[in-house]
PDB file of N, CA and C in Angstrom:
ATOM      1  N   UNK A   1     102.099 -15.730  78.248  1.00  0.00           N
ATOM      2  CA  UNK A   1     103.425 -15.349  77.833  1.00  0.00           C
ATOM      3  C   UNK A   1     104.201 -16.588  77.408  1.00  0.00           C
ATOM      4  N   UNK A   2     105.092 -16.393  76.462  1.00  0.00           N
ATOM      5  CA  UNK A   2     105.867 -17.493  75.907  1.00  0.00           C
ATOM      6  C   UNK A   2     107.347 -17.278  76.206  1.00  0.00           C
ATOM      7  N   UNK A   3     108.024 -18.312  76.710  1.00  0.00           N
ATOM      8  CA  UNK A   3     109.448 -18.224  77.009  1.00  0.00           C
ATOM      9  C   UNK A   3     110.249 -18.398  75.727  1.00  0.00           C
ATOM     10  N   UNK A   4     111.122 -17.437  75.440  1.00  0.00           N
ATOM     11  CA  UNK A   4     112.042 -17.513  74.312  1.00  0.00           C
ATOM     12  C   UNK A   4     113.394 -17.923  74.875  1.00  0.00           C
ATOM     13  N   UNK A   5     113.953 -19.001  74.388  1.00  0.00           N
ATOM     14  CA  UNK A   5     115.234 -19.470  74.878  1.00  0.00           C
ATOM     15  C   UNK A   5     116.038 -19.985  73.700  1.00  0.00           C
ATOM     16  N   UNK A   6     116.649 -19.067  72.981  1.00  0.00           N
ATOM     17  CA  UNK A   6     117.421 -19.420  71.812  1.00  0.00           C
ATOM     18  C   UNK A   6     118.872 -19.596  72.199  1.00  0.00           C
ATOM     19  N   UNK A   7     119.514 -20.619  71.666  1.00  0.00           N
ATOM     20  CA  UNK A   7     120.938 -20.756  71.829  1.00  0.00           C
ATOM     21  C   UNK A   7     121.374 -21.577  73.020  1.00  0.00           C
ATOM     22  N   UNK A   8     120.700 -22.672  73.328  1.00  0.00           N
ATOM     23  CA  UNK A   8     121.114 -23.486  74.472  1.00  0.00           C
ATOM     24  C   UNK A   8     121.876 -24.737  74.044  1.00  0.00           C
ATOM     25  N   UNK A   9     122.450 -24.726  72.867  1.00  0.00           N
ATOM     26  CA  UNK A   9     123.216 -25.873  72.377  1.00  0.00           C
ATOM     27  C   UNK A   9     124.680 -25.793  72.825  1.00  0.00           C
ATOM     28  N   UNK A  10     125.442 -26.829  72.563  1.00  0.00           N
ATOM     29  CA  UNK A  10     126.871 -26.840  72.897  1.00  0.00           C
ATOM     30  C   UNK A  10     127.603 -25.723  72.159  1.00  0.00           C
ATOM     31  N   UNK A  11     127.191 -25.455  70.919  1.00  0.00           N
ATOM     32  CA  UNK A  11     127.799 -24.362  70.158  1.00  0.00           C
ATOM     33  C   UNK A  11     127.603 -23.041  70.887  1.00  0.00           C
ATOM     34  N   UNK A  12     126.429 -22.833  71.456  1.00  0.00           N
ATOM     35  CA  UNK A  12     126.159 -21.594  72.174  1.00  0.00           C
ATOM     36  C   UNK A  12     126.999 -21.478  73.440  1.00  0.00           C
ATOM     37  N   UNK A  13     127.276 -22.593  74.096  1.00  0.00           N
ATOM     38  CA  UNK A  13     128.143 -22.553  75.272  1.00  0.00           C
ATOM     39  C   UNK A  13     129.543 -22.092  74.891  1.00  0.00           C
ATOM     40  N   UNK A  14     130.020 -22.518  73.738  1.00  0.00           N
ATOM     41  CA  UNK A  14     131.313 -22.058  73.242  1.00  0.00           C
ATOM     42  C   UNK A  14     131.256 -20.556  72.951  1.00  0.00           C
ATOM     43  N   UNK A  15     130.174 -20.104  72.349  1.00  0.00           N
ATOM     44  CA  UNK A  15     130.019 -18.681  72.047  1.00  0.00           C
ATOM     45  C   UNK A  15     129.989 -17.847  73.322  1.00  0.00           C
ATOM     46  N   UNK A  16     129.349 -18.358  74.396  1.00  0.00           N
ATOM     47  CA  UNK A  16     129.323 -17.647  75.675  1.00  0.00           C
ATOM     48  C   UNK A  16     130.747 -17.452  76.177  1.00  0.00           C
ATOM     49  N   UNK A  17     131.537 -18.501  76.118  1.00  0.00           N
ATOM     50  CA  UNK A  17     132.918 -18.445  76.585  1.00  0.00           C
ATOM     51  C   UNK A  17     133.742 -17.464  75.762  1.00  0.00           C
ATOM     52  N   UNK A  18     133.488 -17.395  74.461  1.00  0.00           N
ATOM     53  CA  UNK A  18     134.286 -16.560  73.569  1.00  0.00           C
ATOM     54  C   UNK A  18     133.850 -15.099  73.520  1.00  0.00           C
ATOM     55  N   UNK A  19     132.555 -14.815  73.619  1.00  0.00           N
ATOM     56  CA  UNK A  19     132.070 -13.488  73.270  1.00  0.00           C
ATOM     57  C   UNK A  19     131.453 -12.655  74.382  1.00  0.00           C
ATOM     58  N   UNK A  20     131.243 -13.164  75.543  1.00  0.00           N
ATOM     59  CA  UNK A  20     130.689 -12.349  76.616  1.00  0.00           C
ATOM     60  C   UNK A  20     129.169 -12.411  76.672  1.00  0.00           C
ATOM     61  N   UNK A  21     128.679 -12.305  77.889  1.00  0.00           N
ATOM     62  CA  UNK A  21     127.254 -12.460  78.157  1.00  0.00           C
ATOM     63  C   UNK A  21     126.668 -11.116  78.572  1.00  0.00           C
ATOM     64  N   UNK A  22     125.433 -10.889  78.195  1.00  0.00           N
ATOM     65  CA  UNK A  22     124.683  -9.734  78.670  1.00  0.00           C
ATOM     66  C   UNK A  22     123.582 -10.246  79.585  1.00  0.00           C
ATOM     67  N   UNK A  23     123.395  -9.574  80.713  1.00  0.00           N
ATOM     68  CA  UNK A  23     122.410 -10.011  81.687  1.00  0.00           C
ATOM     69  C   UNK A  23     121.410  -8.928  82.032  1.00  0.00           C
ATOM     70  N   UNK A  24     120.332  -9.335  82.663  1.00  0.00           N
ATOM     71  CA  UNK A  24     119.323  -8.409  83.185  1.00  0.00           C
ATOM     72  C   UNK A  24     119.982  -7.540  84.258  1.00  0.00           C
ATOM     73  N   UNK A  25     119.732  -6.248  84.222  1.00  0.00           N
ATOM     74  CA  UNK A  25     120.365  -5.341  85.179  1.00  0.00           C
ATOM     75  C   UNK A  25     119.879  -5.558  86.610  1.00  0.00           C
ATOM     76  N   UNK A  26     118.692  -6.126  86.761  1.00  0.00           N
ATOM     77  CA  UNK A  26     118.116  -6.316  88.092  1.00  0.00           C
ATOM     78  C   UNK A  26     118.579  -7.596  88.762  1.00  0.00           C
ATOM     79  N   UNK A  27     118.558  -8.712  88.021  1.00  0.00           N
ATOM     80  CA  UNK A  27     118.828 -10.018  88.641  1.00  0.00           C
ATOM     81  C   UNK A  27     120.029 -10.746  88.030  1.00  0.00           C
ATOM     82  N   UNK A  28     120.632 -10.186  86.980  1.00  0.00           N
ATOM     83  CA  UNK A  28     121.804 -10.759  86.309  1.00  0.00           C
ATOM     84  C   UNK A  28     121.509 -12.043  85.525  1.00  0.00           C
ATOM     85  N   UNK A  29     120.249 -12.342  85.315  1.00  0.00           N
ATOM     86  CA  UNK A  29     119.872 -13.476  84.473  1.00  0.00           C
ATOM     87  C   UNK A  29     120.475 -13.273  83.085  1.00  0.00           C
ATOM     88  N   UNK A  30     121.116 -14.289  82.522  1.00  0.00           N
ATOM     89  CA  UNK A  30     121.723 -14.173  81.192  1.00  0.00           C
ATOM     90  C   UNK A  30     120.623 -14.061  80.137  1.00  0.00           C
ATOM     91  N   UNK A  31     120.679 -12.988  79.334  1.00  0.00           N
ATOM     92  CA  UNK A  31     119.624 -12.768  78.340  1.00  0.00           C
ATOM     93  C   UNK A  31     120.113 -12.762  76.901  1.00  0.00           C
ATOM     94  N   UNK A  32     121.404 -12.550  76.669  1.00  0.00           N
ATOM     95  CA  UNK A  32     121.914 -12.597  75.302  1.00  0.00           C
ATOM     96  C   UNK A  32     123.435 -12.630  75.314  1.00  0.00           C
ATOM     97  N   UNK A  33     123.982 -12.784  74.125  1.00  0.00           N
ATOM     98  CA  UNK A  33     125.426 -12.722  73.922  1.00  0.00           C
ATOM     99  C   UNK A  33     125.757 -11.430  73.187  1.00  0.00           C
ATOM    100  N   UNK A  34     126.897 -10.860  73.526  1.00  0.00           N
ATOM    101  CA  UNK A  34     127.310  -9.632  72.851  1.00  0.00           C
ATOM    102  C   UNK A  34     127.387  -9.840  71.337  1.00  0.00           C
ATOM    103  N   UNK A  35     127.778 -11.025  70.919  1.00  0.00           N
ATOM    104  CA  UNK A  35     127.921 -11.353  69.501  1.00  0.00           C
ATOM    105  C   UNK A  35     126.590 -11.310  68.742  1.00  0.00           C
ATOM    106  N   UNK A  36     125.477 -11.351  69.463  1.00  0.00           N
ATOM    107  CA  UNK A  36     124.156 -11.353  68.812  1.00  0.00           C
ATOM    108  C   UNK A  36     123.585  -9.961  68.583  1.00  0.00           C
ATOM    109  N   UNK A  37     124.351  -8.924  68.902  1.00  0.00           N
ATOM    110  CA  UNK A  37     123.911  -7.552  68.628  1.00  0.00           C
ATOM    111  C   UNK A  37     124.075  -7.281  67.136  1.00  0.00           C
ATOM    112  N   UNK A  38     122.961  -6.867  66.509  1.00  0.00           N
ATOM    113  CA  UNK A  38     122.984  -6.496  65.085  1.00  0.00           C
ATOM    114  C   UNK A  38     123.313  -5.016  64.946  1.00  0.00           C
ATOM    115  N   UNK A  39     122.702  -4.200  65.815  1.00  0.00           N
ATOM    116  CA  UNK A  39     122.871  -2.752  65.727  1.00  0.00           C
ATOM    117  C   UNK A  39     122.764  -2.127  67.111  1.00  0.00           C
ATOM    118  N   UNK A  40     123.580  -1.082  67.321  1.00  0.00           N
ATOM    119  CA  UNK A  40     123.534  -0.305  68.560  1.00  0.00           C
ATOM    120  C   UNK A  40     122.881   1.059  68.325  1.00  0.00           C
ATOM    121  N   UNK A  41     122.272   1.228  67.166  1.00  0.00           N
ATOM    122  CA  UNK A  41     121.723   2.523  66.765  1.00  0.00           C
ATOM    123  C   UNK A  41     120.203   2.588  66.888  1.00  0.00           C
ATOM    124  N   UNK A  42     119.656   2.022  67.951  1.00  0.00           N
ATOM    125  CA  UNK A  42     118.206   2.016  68.147  1.00  0.00           C
ATOM    126  C   UNK A  42     117.833   2.831  69.367  1.00  0.00           C
ATOM    127  N   UNK A  43     116.587   3.244  69.404  1.00  0.00           N
ATOM    128  CA  UNK A  43     116.047   4.026  70.511  1.00  0.00           C
ATOM    129  C   UNK A  43     115.000   3.195  71.233  1.00  0.00           C
ATOM    130  N   UNK A  44     115.126   3.088  72.548  1.00  0.00           N
ATOM    131  CA  UNK A  44     114.134   2.403  73.361  1.00  0.00           C
ATOM    132  C   UNK A  44     113.235   3.398  74.065  1.00  0.00           C
ATOM    133  N   UNK A  45     112.446   2.936  74.995  1.00  0.00           N
ATOM    134  CA  UNK A  45     111.570   3.830  75.770  1.00  0.00           C
ATOM    135  C   UNK A  45     112.375   4.775  76.646  1.00  0.00           C
ATOM    136  N   UNK A  46     113.525   4.287  77.137  1.00  0.00           N
ATOM    137  CA  UNK A  46     114.310   5.051  78.105  1.00  0.00           C
ATOM    138  C   UNK A  46     115.697   5.424  77.596  1.00  0.00           C
ATOM    139  N   UNK A  47     115.840   5.548  76.299  1.00  0.00           N
ATOM    140  CA  UNK A  47     117.148   5.907  75.744  1.00  0.00           C
ATOM    141  C   UNK A  47     117.641   4.882  74.743  1.00  0.00           C
ATOM    142  N   UNK A  48     118.960   4.773  74.668  1.00  0.00           N
ATOM    143  CA  UNK A  48     119.600   3.906  73.685  1.00  0.00           C
ATOM    144  C   UNK A  48     119.210   2.446  73.856  1.00  0.00           C
ATOM    145  N   UNK A  49     119.148   1.745  72.715  1.00  0.00           N
ATOM    146  CA  UNK A  49     118.773   0.325  72.732  1.00  0.00           C
ATOM    147  C   UNK A  49     119.534  -0.403  71.629  1.00  0.00           C
ATOM    148  N   UNK A  50     119.607  -1.730  71.768  1.00  0.00           N
ATOM    149  CA  UNK A  50     120.316  -2.566  70.814  1.00  0.00           C
ATOM    150  C   UNK A  50     119.340  -3.531  70.147  1.00  0.00           C
ATOM    151  N   UNK A  51     119.583  -3.820  68.871  1.00  0.00           N
ATOM    152  CA  UNK A  51     118.801  -4.810  68.132  1.00  0.00           C
ATOM    153  C   UNK A  51     119.575  -6.129  68.150  1.00  0.00           C
ATOM    154  N   UNK A  52     118.894  -7.218  68.565  1.00  0.00           N
ATOM    155  CA  UNK A  52     119.512  -8.534  68.711  1.00  0.00           C
ATOM    156  C   UNK A  52     118.884  -9.549  67.767  1.00  0.00           C
ATOM    157  N   UNK A  53     119.713 -10.469  67.288  1.00  0.00           N
ATOM    158  CA  UNK A  53     119.205 -11.591  66.498  1.00  0.00           C
ATOM    159  C   UNK A  53     118.617 -12.662  67.400  1.00  0.00           C
ATOM    160  N   UNK A  54     119.277 -12.915  68.534  1.00  0.00           N
ATOM    161  CA  UNK A  54     118.860 -13.978  69.448  1.00  0.00           C
ATOM    162  C   UNK A  54     118.876 -13.479  70.880  1.00  0.00           C
ATOM    163  N   UNK A  55     117.972 -14.004  71.687  1.00  0.00           N
ATOM    164  CA  UNK A  55     117.964 -13.770  73.127  1.00  0.00           C
ATOM    165  C   UNK A  55     117.717 -15.108  73.819  1.00  0.00           C
ATOM    166  N   UNK A  56     117.884 -15.129  75.129  1.00  0.00           N
ATOM    167  CA  UNK A  56     117.615 -16.342  75.902  1.00  0.00           C
ATOM    168  C   UNK A  56     117.033 -15.922  77.248  1.00  0.00           C
ATOM    169  N   UNK A  57     116.300 -16.824  77.845  1.00  0.00           N
ATOM    170  CA  UNK A  57     115.703 -16.583  79.157  1.00  0.00           C
ATOM    171  C   UNK A  57     114.817 -15.336  79.182  1.00  0.00           C
ATOM    172  N   UNK A  58     114.097 -15.152  78.102  1.00  0.00           N
ATOM    173  CA  UNK A  58     113.180 -14.021  77.940  1.00  0.00           C
ATOM    174  C   UNK A  58     111.762 -14.561  77.815  1.00  0.00           C
ATOM    175  N   UNK A  59     110.825 -13.889  78.457  1.00  0.00           N
ATOM    176  CA  UNK A  59     109.405 -14.213  78.321  1.00  0.00           C
ATOM    177  C   UNK A  59     108.779 -13.117  77.472  1.00  0.00           C
ATOM    178  N   UNK A  60     108.068 -13.515  76.433  1.00  0.00           N
ATOM    179  CA  UNK A  60     107.450 -12.566  75.511  1.00  0.00           C
ATOM    180  C   UNK A  60     105.979 -12.399  75.879  1.00  0.00           C
ATOM    181  N   UNK A  61     105.556 -11.161  76.021  1.00  0.00           N
ATOM    182  CA  UNK A  61     104.177 -10.848  76.392  1.00  0.00           C
ATOM    183  C   UNK A  61     103.237 -10.863  75.205  1.00  0.00           C
ATOM    184  N   UNK A  62     102.077 -10.285  75.411  1.00  0.00           N
ATOM    185  CA  UNK A  62     101.036 -10.235  74.374  1.00  0.00           C
ATOM    186  C   UNK A  62     101.437  -9.273  73.251  1.00  0.00           C
ATOM    187  N   UNK A  63     101.027  -9.620  72.040  1.00  0.00           N
ATOM    188  CA  UNK A  63     101.295  -8.775  70.878  1.00  0.00           C
ATOM    189  C   UNK A  63     100.373  -7.564  70.899  1.00  0.00           C
ATOM    190  N   UNK A  64     100.918  -6.418  70.464  1.00  0.00           N
ATOM    191  CA  UNK A  64     100.109  -5.204  70.325  1.00  0.00           C
ATOM    192  C   UNK A  64     100.719  -4.316  69.251  1.00  0.00           C
ATOM    193  N   UNK A  65      99.883  -3.542  68.607  1.00  0.00           N
ATOM    194  CA  UNK A  65     100.365  -2.591  67.614  1.00  0.00           C
ATOM    195  C   UNK A  65     100.842  -1.332  68.338  1.00  0.00           C
ATOM    196  N   UNK A  66     102.040  -0.853  67.941  1.00  0.00           N
ATOM    197  CA  UNK A  66     102.591   0.387  68.496  1.00  0.00           C
ATOM    198  C   UNK A  66     103.162   1.219  67.362  1.00  0.00           C
ATOM    199  N   UNK A  67     102.956   2.511  67.455  1.00  0.00           N
ATOM    200  CA  UNK A  67     103.591   3.422  66.523  1.00  0.00           C
ATOM    201  C   UNK A  67     104.929   3.822  67.121  1.00  0.00           C
ATOM    202  N   UNK A  68     105.998   3.387  66.470  1.00  0.00           N
ATOM    203  CA  UNK A  68     107.357   3.676  66.911  1.00  0.00           C
ATOM    204  C   UNK A  68     107.963   4.723  65.984  1.00  0.00           C
ATOM    205  N   UNK A  69     109.212   5.075  66.204  1.00  0.00           N
ATOM    206  CA  UNK A  69     109.864   6.106  65.391  1.00  0.00           C
ATOM    207  C   UNK A  69     109.870   5.767  63.906  1.00  0.00           C
ATOM    208  N   UNK A  70     109.892   4.482  63.579  1.00  0.00           N
ATOM    209  CA  UNK A  70     109.967   4.054  62.178  1.00  0.00           C
ATOM    210  C   UNK A  70     108.623   3.580  61.629  1.00  0.00           C
ATOM    211  N   UNK A  71     107.529   3.900  62.318  1.00  0.00           N
ATOM    212  CA  UNK A  71     106.209   3.549  61.817  1.00  0.00           C
ATOM    213  C   UNK A  71     105.489   2.542  62.698  1.00  0.00           C
ATOM    214  N   UNK A  72     104.416   1.992  62.153  1.00  0.00           N
ATOM    215  CA  UNK A  72     103.576   1.054  62.881  1.00  0.00           C
ATOM    216  C   UNK A  72     104.190  -0.346  62.860  1.00  0.00           C
ATOM    217  N   UNK A  73     104.258  -0.963  64.037  1.00  0.00           N
ATOM    218  CA  UNK A  73     104.784  -2.321  64.190  1.00  0.00           C
ATOM    219  C   UNK A  73     103.888  -3.089  65.147  1.00  0.00           C
ATOM    220  N   UNK A  74     103.842  -4.407  64.985  1.00  0.00           N
ATOM    221  CA  UNK A  74     103.270  -5.279  66.008  1.00  0.00           C
ATOM    222  C   UNK A  74     104.436  -5.772  66.832  1.00  0.00           C
ATOM    223  N   UNK A  75     104.377  -5.492  68.137  1.00  0.00           N
ATOM    224  CA  UNK A  75     105.471  -5.848  69.042  1.00  0.00           C
ATOM    225  C   UNK A  75     104.914  -6.559  70.269  1.00  0.00           C
ATOM    226  N   UNK A  76     105.799  -7.192  71.011  1.00  0.00           N
ATOM    227  CA  UNK A  76     105.447  -7.827  72.284  1.00  0.00           C
ATOM    228  C   UNK A  76     106.566  -7.514  73.266  1.00  0.00           C
ATOM    229  N   UNK A  77     106.207  -7.083  74.459  1.00  0.00           N
ATOM    230  CA  UNK A  77     107.222  -6.779  75.463  1.00  0.00           C
ATOM    231  C   UNK A  77     108.059  -8.014  75.769  1.00  0.00           C
ATOM    232  N   UNK A  78     109.348  -7.792  75.993  1.00  0.00           N
ATOM    233  CA  UNK A  78     110.289  -8.856  76.340  1.00  0.00           C
ATOM    234  C   UNK A  78     110.661  -8.694  77.812  1.00  0.00           C
ATOM    235  N   UNK A  79     110.256  -9.670  78.619  1.00  0.00           N
ATOM    236  CA  UNK A  79     110.483  -9.645  80.064  1.00  0.00           C
ATOM    237  C   UNK A  79     111.615 -10.596  80.429  1.00  0.00           C
ATOM    238  N   UNK A  80     112.389 -10.257  81.457  1.00  0.00           N
ATOM    239  CA  UNK A  80     113.378 -11.173  82.006  1.00  0.00           C
ATOM    240  C   UNK A  80     112.651 -12.423  82.494  1.00  0.00           C
ATOM    241  N   UNK A  81     113.187 -13.582  82.170  1.00  0.00           N
ATOM    242  CA  UNK A  81     112.567 -14.839  82.559  1.00  0.00           C
ATOM    243  C   UNK A  81     112.637 -15.124  84.052  1.00  0.00           C
ATOM    244  N   UNK A  82     113.520 -14.441  84.773  1.00  0.00           N
ATOM    245  CA  UNK A  82     113.642 -14.656  86.218  1.00  0.00           C
ATOM    246  C   UNK A  82     112.855 -13.623  87.029  1.00  0.00           C
ATOM    247  N   UNK A  83     113.117 -12.331  86.798  1.00  0.00           N
ATOM    248  CA  UNK A  83     112.506 -11.292  87.644  1.00  0.00           C
ATOM    249  C   UNK A  83     111.325 -10.582  86.998  1.00  0.00           C
ATOM    250  N   UNK A  84     111.049 -10.880  85.729  1.00  0.00           N
ATOM    251  CA  UNK A  84     109.908 -10.333  84.986  1.00  0.00           C
ATOM    252  C   UNK A  84     110.039  -8.849  84.631  1.00  0.00           C
ATOM    253  N   UNK A  85     111.214  -8.267  84.786  1.00  0.00           N
ATOM    254  CA  UNK A  85     111.443  -6.876  84.402  1.00  0.00           C
ATOM    255  C   UNK A  85     111.315  -6.748  82.882  1.00  0.00           C
ATOM    256  N   UNK A  86     110.648  -5.690  82.408  1.00  0.00           N
ATOM    257  CA  UNK A  86     110.571  -5.440  80.967  1.00  0.00           C
ATOM    258  C   UNK A  86     111.925  -4.906  80.514  1.00  0.00           C
ATOM    259  N   UNK A  87     112.569  -5.637  79.610  1.00  0.00           N
ATOM    260  CA  UNK A  87     113.895  -5.272  79.113  1.00  0.00           C
ATOM    261  C   UNK A  87     113.851  -4.640  77.726  1.00  0.00           C
ATOM    262  N   UNK A  88     112.746  -4.824  77.018  1.00  0.00           N
ATOM    263  CA  UNK A  88     112.613  -4.315  75.661  1.00  0.00           C
ATOM    264  C   UNK A  88     111.390  -4.918  75.007  1.00  0.00           C
ATOM    265  N   UNK A  89     111.505  -5.254  73.720  1.00  0.00           N
ATOM    266  CA  UNK A  89     110.385  -5.845  73.001  1.00  0.00           C
ATOM    267  C   UNK A  89     110.864  -6.700  71.831  1.00  0.00           C
ATOM    268  N   UNK A  90     109.950  -7.513  71.342  1.00  0.00           N
ATOM    269  CA  UNK A  90     110.193  -8.331  70.155  1.00  0.00           C
ATOM    270  C   UNK A  90     109.362  -7.753  69.015  1.00  0.00           C
ATOM    271  N   UNK A  91     109.980  -7.592  67.859  1.00  0.00           N
ATOM    272  CA  UNK A  91     109.260  -7.178  66.662  1.00  0.00           C
ATOM    273  C   UNK A  91     108.561  -8.398  66.072  1.00  0.00           C
ATOM    274  N   UNK A  92     107.260  -8.404  66.108  1.00  0.00           N
ATOM    275  CA  UNK A  92     106.485  -9.499  65.521  1.00  0.00           C
ATOM    276  C   UNK A  92     106.153  -9.210  64.053  1.00  0.00           C
ATOM    277  N   UNK A  93     105.826  -7.941  63.767  1.00  0.00           N
ATOM    278  CA  UNK A  93     105.455  -7.569  62.393  1.00  0.00           C
ATOM    279  C   UNK A  93     105.799  -6.111  62.141  1.00  0.00           C
ATOM    280  N   UNK A  94     106.324  -5.855  60.963  1.00  0.00           N
ATOM    281  CA  UNK A  94     106.582  -4.490  60.507  1.00  0.00           C
ATOM    282  C   UNK A  94     105.683  -4.238  59.307  1.00  0.00           C
ATOM    283  N   UNK A  95     104.989  -3.129  59.314  1.00  0.00           N
ATOM    284  CA  UNK A  95     104.048  -2.831  58.236  1.00  0.00           C
ATOM    285  C   UNK A  95     104.711  -2.154  57.045  1.00  0.00           C
ATOM    286  N   UNK A  96     105.807  -1.442  57.284  1.00  0.00           N
ATOM    287  CA  UNK A  96     106.539  -0.791  56.199  1.00  0.00           C
ATOM    288  C   UNK A  96     107.519  -1.783  55.578  1.00  0.00           C
ATOM    289  N   UNK A  97     107.550  -1.891  54.249  1.00  0.00           N
ATOM    290  CA  UNK A  97     108.474  -2.837  53.601  1.00  0.00           C
ATOM    291  C   UNK A  97     109.936  -2.644  53.998  1.00  0.00           C
ATOM    292  N   UNK A  98     110.360  -1.414  54.224  1.00  0.00           N
ATOM    293  CA  UNK A  98     111.763  -1.149  54.584  1.00  0.00           C
ATOM    294  C   UNK A  98     112.096  -1.595  56.011  1.00  0.00           C
ATOM    295  N   UNK A  99     111.089  -1.923  56.799  1.00  0.00           N
ATOM    296  CA  UNK A  99     111.293  -2.311  58.198  1.00  0.00           C
ATOM    297  C   UNK A  99     111.149  -3.817  58.434  1.00  0.00           C
ATOM    298  N   UNK A 100     110.873  -4.578  57.382  1.00  0.00           N
ATOM    299  CA  UNK A 100     110.636  -6.024  57.507  1.00  0.00           C
ATOM    300  C   UNK A 100     111.817  -6.781  58.111  1.00  0.00           C
ATOM    301  N   UNK A 101     113.032  -6.253  57.964  1.00  0.00           N
ATOM    302  CA  UNK A 101     114.218  -6.939  58.489  1.00  0.00           C
ATOM    303  C   UNK A 101     114.165  -7.086  60.018  1.00  0.00           C
ATOM    304  N   UNK A 102     113.336  -6.299  60.688  1.00  0.00           N
ATOM    305  CA  UNK A 102     113.233  -6.341  62.149  1.00  0.00           C
ATOM    306  C   UNK A 102     112.372  -7.499  62.657  1.00  0.00           C
ATOM    307  N   UNK A 103     111.542  -8.056  61.803  1.00  0.00           N
ATOM    308  CA  UNK A 103     110.599  -9.092  62.246  1.00  0.00           C
ATOM    309  C   UNK A 103     111.330 -10.276  62.871  1.00  0.00           C
ATOM    310  N   UNK A 104     110.868 -10.681  64.044  1.00  0.00           N
ATOM    311  CA  UNK A 104     111.465 -11.802  64.760  1.00  0.00           C
ATOM    312  C   UNK A 104     112.687 -11.440  65.588  1.00  0.00           C
ATOM    313  N   UNK A 105     113.103 -10.187  65.523  1.00  0.00           N
ATOM    314  CA  UNK A 105     114.276  -9.740  66.273  1.00  0.00           C
ATOM    315  C   UNK A 105     113.846  -8.989  67.533  1.00  0.00           C
ATOM    316  N   UNK A 106     114.809  -8.733  68.411  1.00  0.00           N
ATOM    317  CA  UNK A 106     114.535  -8.153  69.722  1.00  0.00           C
ATOM    318  C   UNK A 106     115.268  -6.840  69.937  1.00  0.00           C
ATOM    319  N   UNK A 107     114.603  -5.939  70.620  1.00  0.00           N
ATOM    320  CA  UNK A 107     115.219  -4.729  71.147  1.00  0.00           C
ATOM    321  C   UNK A 107     115.412  -4.943  72.639  1.00  0.00           C
ATOM    322  N   UNK A 108     116.639  -4.733  73.123  1.00  0.00           N
ATOM    323  CA  UNK A 108     116.900  -4.687  74.562  1.00  0.00           C
ATOM    324  C   UNK A 108     117.490  -3.320  74.859  1.00  0.00           C
ATOM    325  N   UNK A 109     116.942  -2.657  75.870  1.00  0.00           N
ATOM    326  CA  UNK A 109     117.398  -1.316  76.210  1.00  0.00           C
ATOM    327  C   UNK A 109     118.732  -1.374  76.940  1.00  0.00           C
ATOM    328  N   UNK A 110     119.644  -0.495  76.553  1.00  0.00           N
ATOM    329  CA  UNK A 110     120.987  -0.471  77.136  1.00  0.00           C
ATOM    330  C   UNK A 110     120.929  -0.309  78.649  1.00  0.00           C
ATOM    331  N   UNK A 111     120.005   0.493  79.143  1.00  0.00           N
ATOM    332  CA  UNK A 111     119.903   0.746  80.583  1.00  0.00           C
ATOM    333  C   UNK A 111     119.369  -0.458  81.357  1.00  0.00           C
ATOM    334  N   UNK A 112     118.854  -1.468  80.643  1.00  0.00           N
ATOM    335  CA  UNK A 112     118.255  -2.628  81.292  1.00  0.00           C
ATOM    336  C   UNK A 112     119.116  -3.883  81.230  1.00  0.00           C
ATOM    337  N   UNK A 113     120.316  -3.785  80.615  1.00  0.00           N
ATOM    338  CA  UNK A 113     121.198  -4.946  80.520  1.00  0.00           C
ATOM    339  C   UNK A 113     122.593  -4.570  81.012  1.00  0.00           C
ATOM    340  N   UNK A 114     123.323  -5.570  81.494  1.00  0.00           N
ATOM    341  CA  UNK A 114     124.679  -5.369  81.993  1.00  0.00           C
ATOM    342  C   UNK A 114     125.608  -6.415  81.388  1.00  0.00           C
ATOM    343  N   UNK A 115     126.875  -6.092  81.323  1.00  0.00           N
ATOM    344  CA  UNK A 115     127.902  -7.014  80.822  1.00  0.00           C
ATOM    345  C   UNK A 115     128.269  -7.995  81.929  1.00  0.00           C
ATOM    346  N   UNK A 116     128.403  -9.258  81.548  1.00  0.00           N
ATOM    347  CA  UNK A 116     128.837 -10.309  82.479  1.00  0.00           C
ATOM    348  C   UNK A 116     130.031 -11.036  81.849  1.00  0.00           C
ATOM    349  N   UNK A 117     130.935 -11.551  82.676  1.00  0.00           N
ATOM    350  CA  UNK A 117     132.064 -12.392  82.228  1.00  0.00           C
ATOM    351  C   UNK A 117     132.929 -11.722  81.169  1.00  0.00           C
ATOM    352  N   UNK A 118     133.275 -10.446  81.329  1.00  0.00           N
ATOM    353  CA  UNK A 118     134.102  -9.755  80.340  1.00  0.00           C
ATOM    354  C   UNK A 118     135.496  -9.606  80.871  1.00  0.00           C
TER     355      UNK A 118
END
């Protein structure tokens, strides 16, 4: 598994202060900023999910092909870097041309994240 930790610069610290943090629902580990949500109109395994440009403190699992609502994708589960809870997945590859915008982005399930510092 590979640790994804985007946004640990001084600029990101300012963004944390300005925009609010999202954390793992189990251990409260900071996993993203509210400002990094691209869309709230996604479906996860357990209900509503959000598409993110950046995440932090996430461990990415092995890549696998999955047939999702929008077709075949290569994805990797996204685990909390502290407690290892599966929070969503990373889009590694989209096979449909209309879905290419998802590549390199993350889905985090709404039920698996909580608001911090709001």
